C-alpha atoms as a PDB file:
ATOM      1  CA  ALA A   1       7.267  -9.287 -13.099  1.00  0.00           C
ATOM      2  CA  GLY A   2       8.989 -11.949 -10.563  1.00  0.00           C
ATOM      3  CA  LEU A   3       6.873 -15.021 -11.340  1.00  0.00           C
ATOM      4  CA  THR A   4       6.046 -14.006 -14.810  1.00  0.00           C
ATOM      5  CA  CYS A   5       9.830 -13.822 -15.446  1.00  0.00           C
ATOM      6  CA  ALA A   6      10.419 -16.808 -13.889  1.00  0.00           C
ATOM      7  CA  CYS A   7       7.064 -18.999 -15.606  1.00  0.00           C
ATOM      8  CA  GLN A   8       8.805 -17.436 -19.620  1.00  0.00           C
ATOM      9  CA  LEU A   9      12.157 -18.596 -18.400  1.00  0.00           C
ATOM     10  CA  ARG A  10      11.207 -22.042 -17.382  1.00  0.00           C
ATOM     11  CA  ARG A  11       9.666 -22.728 -20.613  1.00  0.00           C
ATOM     12  CA  GLU A  12      12.767 -22.048 -22.493  1.00  0.00           C
ATOM     13  CA  GLY A  13      13.902 -24.750 -20.378  1.00  0.00           C
ATOM     14  CA  TYR A  14      15.471 -22.135 -18.170  1.00  0.00           C
ATOM     15  CA  LYS A  15      16.120 -23.906 -14.627  1.00  0.00           C
ATOM     16  CA  VAL A  16      14.623 -20.637 -12.535  1.00  0.00           C
ATOM     17  CA  THR A  17      14.423 -20.367  -8.246  1.00  0.00           C
ATOM     18  CA  ILE A  18      12.226 -17.718  -6.651  1.00  0.00           C
ATOM     19  CA  PHE A  19      13.736 -16.385  -3.140  1.00  0.00           C
ATOM     20  CA  GLU A  20      10.563 -14.350  -2.465  1.00  0.00           C
ATOM     21  CA  ALA A  21      11.181 -12.657   1.449  1.00  0.00           C
ATOM     22  CA  LEU A  22       7.424 -13.201   2.267  1.00  0.00           C
ATOM     23  CA  PRO A  23       6.240 -16.349   3.597  1.00  0.00           C
ATOM     24  CA  VAL A  24       3.677 -16.528   0.652  1.00  0.00           C
ATOM     25  CA  VAL A  25       4.117 -16.045  -3.261  1.00  0.00           C
ATOM     26  CA  GLY A  26       3.240 -13.429  -4.979  1.00  0.00           C
ATOM     27  CA  GLY A  27       4.093 -10.416  -3.697  1.00  0.00           C
ATOM     28  CA  MET A  28       1.813  -7.554  -4.225  1.00  0.00           C
ATOM     29  CA  LEU A  29      -0.440  -9.328  -5.049  1.00  0.00           C
ATOM     30  CA  TYR A  30      -0.984 -11.400  -2.519  1.00  0.00           C
ATOM     31  CA  VAL A  31      -0.404  -9.526   0.584  1.00  0.00           C
ATOM     32  CA  GLY A  32      -1.580  -5.635  -1.552  1.00  0.00           C
ATOM     33  CA  ILE A  33      -4.743  -6.624  -3.292  1.00  0.00           C
ATOM     34  CA  PRO A  34      -7.593  -7.714  -0.178  1.00  0.00           C
ATOM     35  CA  ASP A  35      -9.627 -10.389  -0.871  1.00  0.00           C
ATOM     36  CA  TYR A  36     -12.994  -9.210  -1.834  1.00  0.00           C
ATOM     37  CA  ARG A  37     -10.865  -7.467  -5.942  1.00  0.00           C
ATOM     38  CA  LEU A  38      -8.883 -10.656  -5.611  1.00  0.00           C
ATOM     39  CA  PRO A  39      -9.699 -13.945  -4.592  1.00  0.00           C
ATOM     40  CA  LYS A  40      -6.475 -15.253  -2.789  1.00  0.00           C
ATOM     41  CA  GLU A  41      -7.389 -18.892  -4.510  1.00  0.00           C
ATOM     42  CA  ILE A  42      -7.148 -17.778  -7.918  1.00  0.00           C
ATOM     43  CA  LEU A  43      -3.236 -16.364  -7.681  1.00  0.00           C
ATOM     44  CA  GLU A  44      -2.881 -19.839  -6.363  1.00  0.00           C
ATOM     45  CA  LYS A  45      -4.168 -21.019  -8.900  1.00  0.00           C
ATOM     46  CA  GLU A  46      -1.565 -18.987 -10.839  1.00  0.00           C
ATOM     47  CA  VAL A  47       1.910 -19.823  -8.139  1.00  0.00           C
ATOM     48  CA  GLU A  48       0.564 -23.810  -8.587  1.00  0.00           C
ATOM     49  CA  GLY A  49       0.967 -24.082 -12.148  1.00  0.00           C
ATOM     50  CA  ILE A  50       4.243 -22.321 -12.450  1.00  0.00           C
ATOM     51  CA  LYS A  51       5.473 -24.782  -9.808  1.00  0.00           C
ATOM     52  CA  ARG A  52       4.689 -27.057 -12.284  1.00  0.00           C
ATOM     53  CA  LEU A  53       6.610 -25.852 -14.450  1.00  0.00           C
ATOM     54  CA  GLY A  54       9.336 -27.136 -12.563  1.00  0.00           C
ATOM     55  CA  VAL A  55      10.037 -23.135 -11.298  1.00  0.00           C
ATOM     56  CA  GLU A  56      11.526 -23.802  -7.481  1.00  0.00           C
ATOM     57  CA  ILE A  57       9.964 -21.992  -5.178  1.00  0.00           C
ATOM     58  CA  LYS A  58      12.243 -20.479  -1.327  1.00  0.00           C
ATOM     59  CA  THR A  59       9.810 -18.655   0.747  1.00  0.00           C
ATOM     60  CA  ASN A  60      10.438 -16.359   3.856  1.00  0.00           C
ATOM     61  CA  ALA A  61      14.477 -16.289   2.122  1.00  0.00           C
ATOM     62  CA  PRO A  62      15.215 -12.408   0.966  1.00  0.00           C
ATOM     63  CA  ILE A  63      17.607 -11.328  -0.282  1.00  0.00           C
ATOM     64  CA  GLY A  64      20.869  -9.155   0.730  1.00  0.00           C
ATOM     65  CA  GLU A  65      20.378 -10.153   4.963  1.00  0.00           C
ATOM     66  CA  GLU A  66      21.131 -14.096   4.747  1.00  0.00           C
ATOM     67  CA  ILE A  67      21.934 -14.439   1.109  1.00  0.00           C
ATOM     68  CA  THR A  68      23.256 -11.550  -1.196  1.00  0.00           C
ATOM     69  CA  ILE A  69      22.986 -11.833  -4.717  1.00  0.00           C
ATOM     70  CA  ASP A  70      27.349 -12.230  -5.128  1.00  0.00           C
ATOM     71  CA  ASP A  71      26.608 -15.831  -2.970  1.00  0.00           C
ATOM     72  CA  LEU A  72      23.745 -16.498  -5.579  1.00  0.00           C
ATOM     73  CA  PHE A  73      26.730 -16.221  -7.888  1.00  0.00           C
ATOM     74  CA  LYS A  74      29.118 -18.510  -5.995  1.00  0.00           C
ATOM     75  CA  GLN A  75      26.538 -20.817  -5.628  1.00  0.00           C
ATOM     76  CA  GLY A  76      26.456 -21.562  -9.615  1.00  0.00           C
ATOM     77  CA  TYR A  77      23.493 -19.002 -11.064  1.00  0.00           C
ATOM     78  CA  LYS A  78      24.092 -17.102 -13.948  1.00  0.00           C
ATOM     79  CA  ALA A  79      22.010 -14.648 -13.669  1.00  0.00           C
ATOM     80  CA  ALA A  80      19.751 -13.077 -11.634  1.00  0.00           C
ATOM     81  CA  PHE A  81      16.139 -10.952 -12.059  1.00  0.00           C
ATOM     82  CA  ILE A  82      15.316  -7.748  -9.417  1.00  0.00           C
ATOM     83  CA  ALA A  83      11.486  -8.312  -8.953  1.00  0.00           C
ATOM     84  CA  VAL A  84      11.448  -6.185  -5.061  1.00  0.00           C
ATOM     85  CA  GLY A  85       7.663  -4.719  -6.117  1.00  0.00           C
ATOM     86  CA  ALA A  86       7.073  -1.060  -4.206  1.00  0.00           C
ATOM     87  CA  HIS A  87       6.272  -2.658  -0.655  1.00  0.00           C
ATOM     88  CA  ARG A  88       7.680   0.800   1.326  1.00  0.00           C
ATOM     89  CA  SER A  89       5.650   3.653   2.000  1.00  0.00           C
ATOM     90  CA  GLN A  90       6.541   6.946   1.730  1.00  0.00           C
ATOM     91  CA  ARG A  91       6.505   8.834   4.805  1.00  0.00           C
ATOM     92  CA  LEU A  92       4.017  12.306   5.458  1.00  0.00           C
ATOM     93  CA  ARG A  93       6.451  14.384   6.952  1.00  0.00           C
ATOM     94  CA  VAL A  94       4.400  16.406   9.451  1.00  0.00           C
ATOM     95  CA  PRO A  95       4.792  16.457  12.958  1.00  0.00           C
ATOM     96  CA  GLY A  96       3.343  13.209  14.698  1.00  0.00           C
ATOM     97  CA  GLU A  97       3.477  10.844  11.727  1.00  0.00           C
ATOM     98  CA  ASP A  98       5.781   8.652  14.511  1.00  0.00           C
ATOM     99  CA  ALA A  99       2.215   8.640  16.797  1.00  0.00           C
ATOM    100  CA  GLU A 100       0.922   5.372  17.852  1.00  0.00           C
ATOM    101  CA  GLY A 101      -2.368   5.416  15.779  1.00  0.00           C
ATOM    102  CA  VAL A 102      -0.461   5.894  12.612  1.00  0.00           C
ATOM    103  CA  ILE A 103      -0.283   2.965  10.025  1.00  0.00           C
ATOM    104  CA  HIS A 104       1.360   2.742   6.639  1.00  0.00           C
ATOM    105  CA  GLY A 105      -1.627   1.719   4.192  1.00  0.00           C
ATOM    106  CA  VAL A 106       0.912  -1.436   2.153  1.00  0.00           C
ATOM    107  CA  ASP A 107       2.061  -2.185   5.858  1.00  0.00           C
ATOM    108  CA  PHE A 108      -2.326  -2.620   6.758  1.00  0.00           C
ATOM    109  CA  LEU A 109      -3.227  -4.602   4.104  1.00  0.00           C
ATOM    110  CA  ARG A 110      -0.428  -6.719   3.833  1.00  0.00           C
ATOM    111  CA  ASP A 111      -0.957  -7.308   7.937  1.00  0.00           C
ATOM    112  CA  ILE A 112      -4.269  -8.068   7.352  1.00  0.00           C
ATOM    113  CA  SER A 113      -3.658 -10.498   3.746  1.00  0.00           C
ATOM    114  CA  LEU A 114      -1.645 -12.127   5.905  1.00  0.00           C
ATOM    115  CA  GLY A 115      -4.017 -13.405   8.952  1.00  0.00           C
ATOM    116  CA  LYS A 116      -2.456 -11.029  11.533  1.00  0.00           C
ATOM    117  CA  GLU A 117      -4.761  -9.325  14.040  1.00  0.00           C
ATOM    118  CA  VAL A 118      -5.659  -5.758  12.601  1.00  0.00           C
ATOM    119  CA  LYS A 119      -7.293  -3.429  14.531  1.00  0.00           C
ATOM    120  CA  THR A 120      -8.714  -0.266  13.557  1.00  0.00           C
ATOM    121  CA  LYS A 121     -11.087   1.518  16.166  1.00  0.00           C
ATOM    122  CA  GLY A 122     -12.834   4.547  16.689  1.00  0.00           C
ATOM    123  CA  MET A 123     -12.261   7.062  13.321  1.00  0.00           C
ATOM    124  CA  VAL A 124      -9.808   6.000  10.538  1.00  0.00           C
ATOM    125  CA  ALA A 125      -8.745   8.912   8.355  1.00  0.00           C
ATOM    126  CA  VAL A 126      -6.786   7.833   5.378  1.00  0.00           C
ATOM    127  CA  ILE A 127      -4.658  10.189   3.937  1.00  0.00           C
ATOM    128  CA  GLY A 128      -3.787  10.007  -0.067  1.00  0.00           C
ATOM    129  CA  GLY A 129      -5.755   9.213  -3.492  1.00  0.00           C
ATOM    130  CA  GLY A 130      -4.549   5.830  -5.362  1.00  0.00           C
ATOM    131  CA  ASP A 131      -6.120   2.376  -4.912  1.00  0.00           C
ATOM    132  CA  VAL A 132      -4.383   1.768  -1.788  1.00  0.00           C
ATOM    133  CA  ALA A 133      -6.110   4.421   0.029  1.00  0.00           C
ATOM    134  CA  VAL A 134      -9.490   3.441  -1.425  1.00  0.00           C
ATOM    135  CA  ASP A 135      -8.845  -0.368  -0.409  1.00  0.00           C
ATOM    136  CA  SER A 136      -7.159   0.917   2.802  1.00  0.00           C
ATOM    137  CA  ALA A 137     -10.354   2.549   3.553  1.00  0.00           C
ATOM    138  CA  ARG A 138     -12.592   0.121   2.170  1.00  0.00           C
ATOM    139  CA  CYS A 139     -11.156  -2.901   4.882  1.00  0.00           C
ATOM    140  CA  ALA A 140     -10.560  -0.989   8.265  1.00  0.00           C
ATOM    141  CA  LEU A 141     -14.901  -0.760   7.420  1.00  0.00           C
ATOM    142  CA  ARG A 142     -14.562  -3.885   7.097  1.00  0.00           C
ATOM    143  CA  LEU A 143     -12.771  -4.723  10.562  1.00  0.00           C
ATOM    144  CA  ASP A 144     -13.952  -1.912  13.333  1.00  0.00           C
ATOM    145  CA  ALA A 145     -14.367   1.565  12.148  1.00  0.00           C
ATOM    146  CA  ASP A 146     -16.886   3.609  13.048  1.00  0.00           C
ATOM    147  CA  GLU A 147     -16.673   5.932  10.241  1.00  0.00           C
ATOM    148  CA  VAL A 148     -13.703   5.872   7.984  1.00  0.00           C
ATOM    149  CA  ALA A 149     -13.182   8.925   5.531  1.00  0.00           C
ATOM    150  CA  ILE A 150     -10.139   9.781   3.059  1.00  0.00           C
ATOM    151  CA  LEU A 151      -8.425  12.726   2.957  1.00  0.00           C
ATOM    152  CA  TYR A 152      -7.239  13.769  -0.713  1.00  0.00           C
ATOM    153  CA  ARG A 153      -5.591  17.094  -1.437  1.00  0.00           C
ATOM    154  CA  ARG A 154      -7.036  17.655  -5.345  1.00  0.00           C
ATOM    155  CA  THR A 155     -10.301  17.384  -6.505  1.00  0.00           C
ATOM    156  CA  ARG A 156     -13.014  13.916  -7.747  1.00  0.00           C
ATOM    157  CA  ILE A 157     -11.275  13.633 -11.422  1.00  0.00           C
ATOM    158  CA  GLU A 158      -7.486  14.141 -10.556  1.00  0.00           C
ATOM    159  CA  MET A 159      -7.167  11.558  -7.843  1.00  0.00           C
ATOM    160  CA  PRO A 160      -5.552   8.264  -9.400  1.00  0.00           C
ATOM    161  CA  ALA A 161      -7.631   5.459  -7.961  1.00  0.00           C
ATOM    162  CA  ARG A 162     -10.563   3.554 -10.264  1.00  0.00           C
ATOM    163  CA  GLU A 163     -13.183   5.836 -10.531  1.00  0.00           C
ATOM    164  CA  GLU A 164     -15.053   2.355  -9.969  1.00  0.00           C
ATOM    165  CA  GLU A 165     -13.101   1.686  -6.615  1.00  0.00           C
ATOM    166  CA  VAL A 166     -13.803   4.845  -5.299  1.00  0.00           C
ATOM    167  CA  GLU A 167     -17.138   4.675  -6.251  1.00  0.00           C
ATOM    168  CA  ALA A 168     -17.425   1.143  -4.495  1.00  0.00           C
ATOM    169  CA  ALA A 169     -16.192   2.691  -1.274  1.00  0.00           C
ATOM    170  CA  GLU A 170     -18.985   5.746  -1.560  1.00  0.00           C
ATOM    171  CA  THR A 171     -21.322   2.922  -1.270  1.00  0.00           C
ATOM    172  CA  GLU A 172     -19.949   0.979   1.355  1.00  0.00           C
ATOM    173  CA  GLY A 173     -20.263   4.545   3.810  1.00  0.00           C
ATOM    174  CA  VAL A 174     -16.532   6.053   3.048  1.00  0.00           C
ATOM    175  CA  ARG A 175     -16.530   9.619   2.818  1.00  0.00           C
ATOM    176  CA  VAL A 176     -14.739  11.030   0.382  1.00  0.00           C
ATOM    177  CA  GLU A 177     -12.794  14.605   1.171  1.00  0.00           C
ATOM    178  CA  TYR A 178     -11.523  16.781  -0.930  1.00  0.00           C
ATOM    179  CA  LEU A 179      -8.878  19.350  -1.338  1.00  0.00           C
ATOM    180  CA  VAL A 180      -7.264  19.276   1.919  1.00  0.00           C
ATOM    181  CA  ALA A 181      -3.911  17.659   3.019  1.00  0.00           C
ATOM    182  CA  PRO A 182      -3.274  16.905   6.598  1.00  0.00           C
ATOM    183  CA  VAL A 183      -0.212  19.813   8.391  1.00  0.00           C
ATOM    184  CA  GLU A 184      -0.262  17.387  11.649  1.00  0.00           C
ATOM    185  CA  ILE A 185      -1.208  14.088  13.219  1.00  0.00           C
ATOM    186  CA  LEU A 186      -2.465  15.751  16.758  1.00  0.00           C
ATOM    187  CA  SER A 187      -1.431  13.526  19.542  1.00  0.00           C
ATOM    188  CA  ALA A 188      -1.582  12.746  23.873  1.00  0.00           C
ATOM    189  CA  ASP A 189       0.166  10.603  25.429  1.00  0.00           C
ATOM    190  CA  GLY A 190       2.076   9.450  22.185  1.00  0.00           C
ATOM    191  CA  LYS A 191      -1.652   8.688  20.326  1.00  0.00           C
ATOM    192  CA  VAL A 192      -3.270  10.056  18.055  1.00  0.00           C
ATOM    193  CA  ILE A 193      -5.974  12.341  18.511  1.00  0.00           C
ATOM    194  CA  GLY A 194      -6.179  13.932  16.067  1.00  0.00           C
ATOM    195  CA  ILE A 195      -5.084  15.303  12.276  1.00  0.00           C
ATOM    196  CA  ARG A 196      -4.891  19.049  11.204  1.00  0.00           C
ATOM    197  CA  CYS A 197      -5.561  19.518   7.913  1.00  0.00           C
ATOM    198  CA  ILE A 198      -5.726  22.610   5.456  1.00  0.00           C
ATOM    199  CA  ARG A 199      -7.833  23.167   2.059  1.00  0.00           C
ATOM    200  CA  MET A 200      -6.261  23.268  -0.874  1.00  0.00           C
ATOM    201  CA  GLU A 201      -7.133  25.739  -3.902  1.00  0.00           C
ATOM    202  CA  LEU A 202      -5.589  23.887  -7.564  1.00  0.00           C
ATOM    203  CA  GLY A 203      -2.803  25.756  -9.348  1.00  0.00           C
ATOM    204  CA  GLU A 204      -1.369  25.164 -12.536  1.00  0.00           C
ATOM    205  CA  PRO A 205      -0.356  21.832 -13.740  1.00  0.00           C
ATOM    206  CA  ASP A 206       2.681  20.478 -11.759  1.00  0.00           C
ATOM    207  CA  ALA A 207       5.079  17.453 -13.318  1.00  0.00           C
ATOM    208  CA  THR A 208       2.666  15.105 -14.087  1.00  0.00           C
ATOM    209  CA  GLY A 209       0.223  17.097 -15.502  1.00  0.00           C
ATOM    210  CA  ARG A 210      -2.398  17.277 -12.825  1.00  0.00           C
ATOM    211  CA  ARG A 211      -3.086  20.734 -11.059  1.00  0.00           C
ATOM    212  CA  ARG A 212      -0.984  21.863  -8.310  1.00  0.00           C
ATOM    213  CA  PRO A 213      -2.962  22.011  -4.902  1.00  0.00           C
ATOM    214  CA  ILE A 214      -1.833  25.259  -3.375  1.00  0.00           C
ATOM    215  CA  PRO A 215      -2.965  26.176   0.986  1.00  0.00           C
ATOM    216  CA  ILE A 216      -5.641  28.422   1.304  1.00  0.00           C
ATOM    217  CA  PRO A 217      -4.375  30.311   4.301  1.00  0.00           C
ATOM    218  CA  GLY A 218      -6.196  30.890   7.812  1.00  0.00           C
ATOM    219  CA  SER A 219      -8.473  27.411   6.568  1.00  0.00           C
ATOM    220  CA  GLU A 220      -7.101  24.705   8.906  1.00  0.00           C
ATOM    221  CA  LEU A 221      -9.099  22.915  10.659  1.00  0.00           C
ATOM    222  CA  ASP A 222      -8.674  20.323  12.972  1.00  0.00           C
ATOM    223  CA  LEU A 223     -10.784  16.621  12.775  1.00  0.00           C
ATOM    224  CA  LYS A 224     -10.685  13.882  15.810  1.00  0.00           C
ATOM    225  CA  VAL A 225     -10.110  10.447  14.809  1.00  0.00           C
ATOM    226  CA  ASP A 226      -8.028   7.569  16.464  1.00  0.00           C
ATOM    227  CA  ILE A 227      -6.423   6.049  13.532  1.00  0.00           C
ATOM    228  CA  VAL A 228      -4.233   7.535  10.746  1.00  0.00           C
ATOM    229  CA  ILE A 229      -3.834   5.223   7.170  1.00  0.00           C
ATOM    230  CA  LEU A 230      -1.277   6.914   4.823  1.00  0.00           C
ATOM    231  CA  ALA A 231      -1.318   5.677   1.420  1.00  0.00           C
ATOM    232  CA  ILE A 232       0.098   8.243  -0.331  1.00  0.00           C
ATOM    233  CA  GLY A 233       2.781   6.436  -2.473  1.00  0.00           C
ATOM    234  CA  GLN A 234       5.313   3.303  -2.552  1.00  0.00           C
ATOM    235  CA  MET A 235       8.727   2.526  -3.092  1.00  0.00           C
ATOM    236  CA  PRO A 236      10.570  -0.170  -3.179  1.00  0.00           C
ATOM    237  CA  ASP A 237      12.419  -1.597  -0.441  1.00  0.00           C
ATOM    238  CA  ILE A 238      16.013  -2.260  -1.611  1.00  0.00           C
ATOM    239  CA  SER A 239      17.654  -2.807   2.809  1.00  0.00           C
END
């Protein structure tokens, strides 16, 4: 949204400056979508086109720390368009969530996109059913993971990830377990050793229109895993 807004405003004759918190331009398009889905070269060409229009872009420039919106107005800016994206992962809120080996999907994908060293050894469990979950699972397989499983609390019909992405993941070797939900992340000496789940059944539709998952009493099961990637939703980071 930020790049599009800047482009349209510049075409209308306004002077525009983008303040980007990341070291790269493109937001979630750059750091949230793997190369195999959106090659970085395509996005970089779009950014260069926007720069040629005369849009100024400042990277590593988060608003709210050294610079505030009030500071921008004092510097002469007349308006601010806030397009921070959804870079903050929602928490699972189960015991053990802070153990070593628990990774948030958006952080995982961002580190990969920025060229940071990322290791996913052994068995990896990805919690969630959206595109971030599927992308995280496919990326984990491309790294060091021996096996990757997506755990989703509803069925394939309710899964928000795109059908073609789920099919591609399964073709590559990702296992998808439906109607299971985590209740605890198991650890020893502060490190992940497994995940305790409970089987679910579907009830009546909830506010989203999808059938509500209901835990089945006494159906708990423990899975041995080395890494847990949480991908149950994102929100804007307004800190």
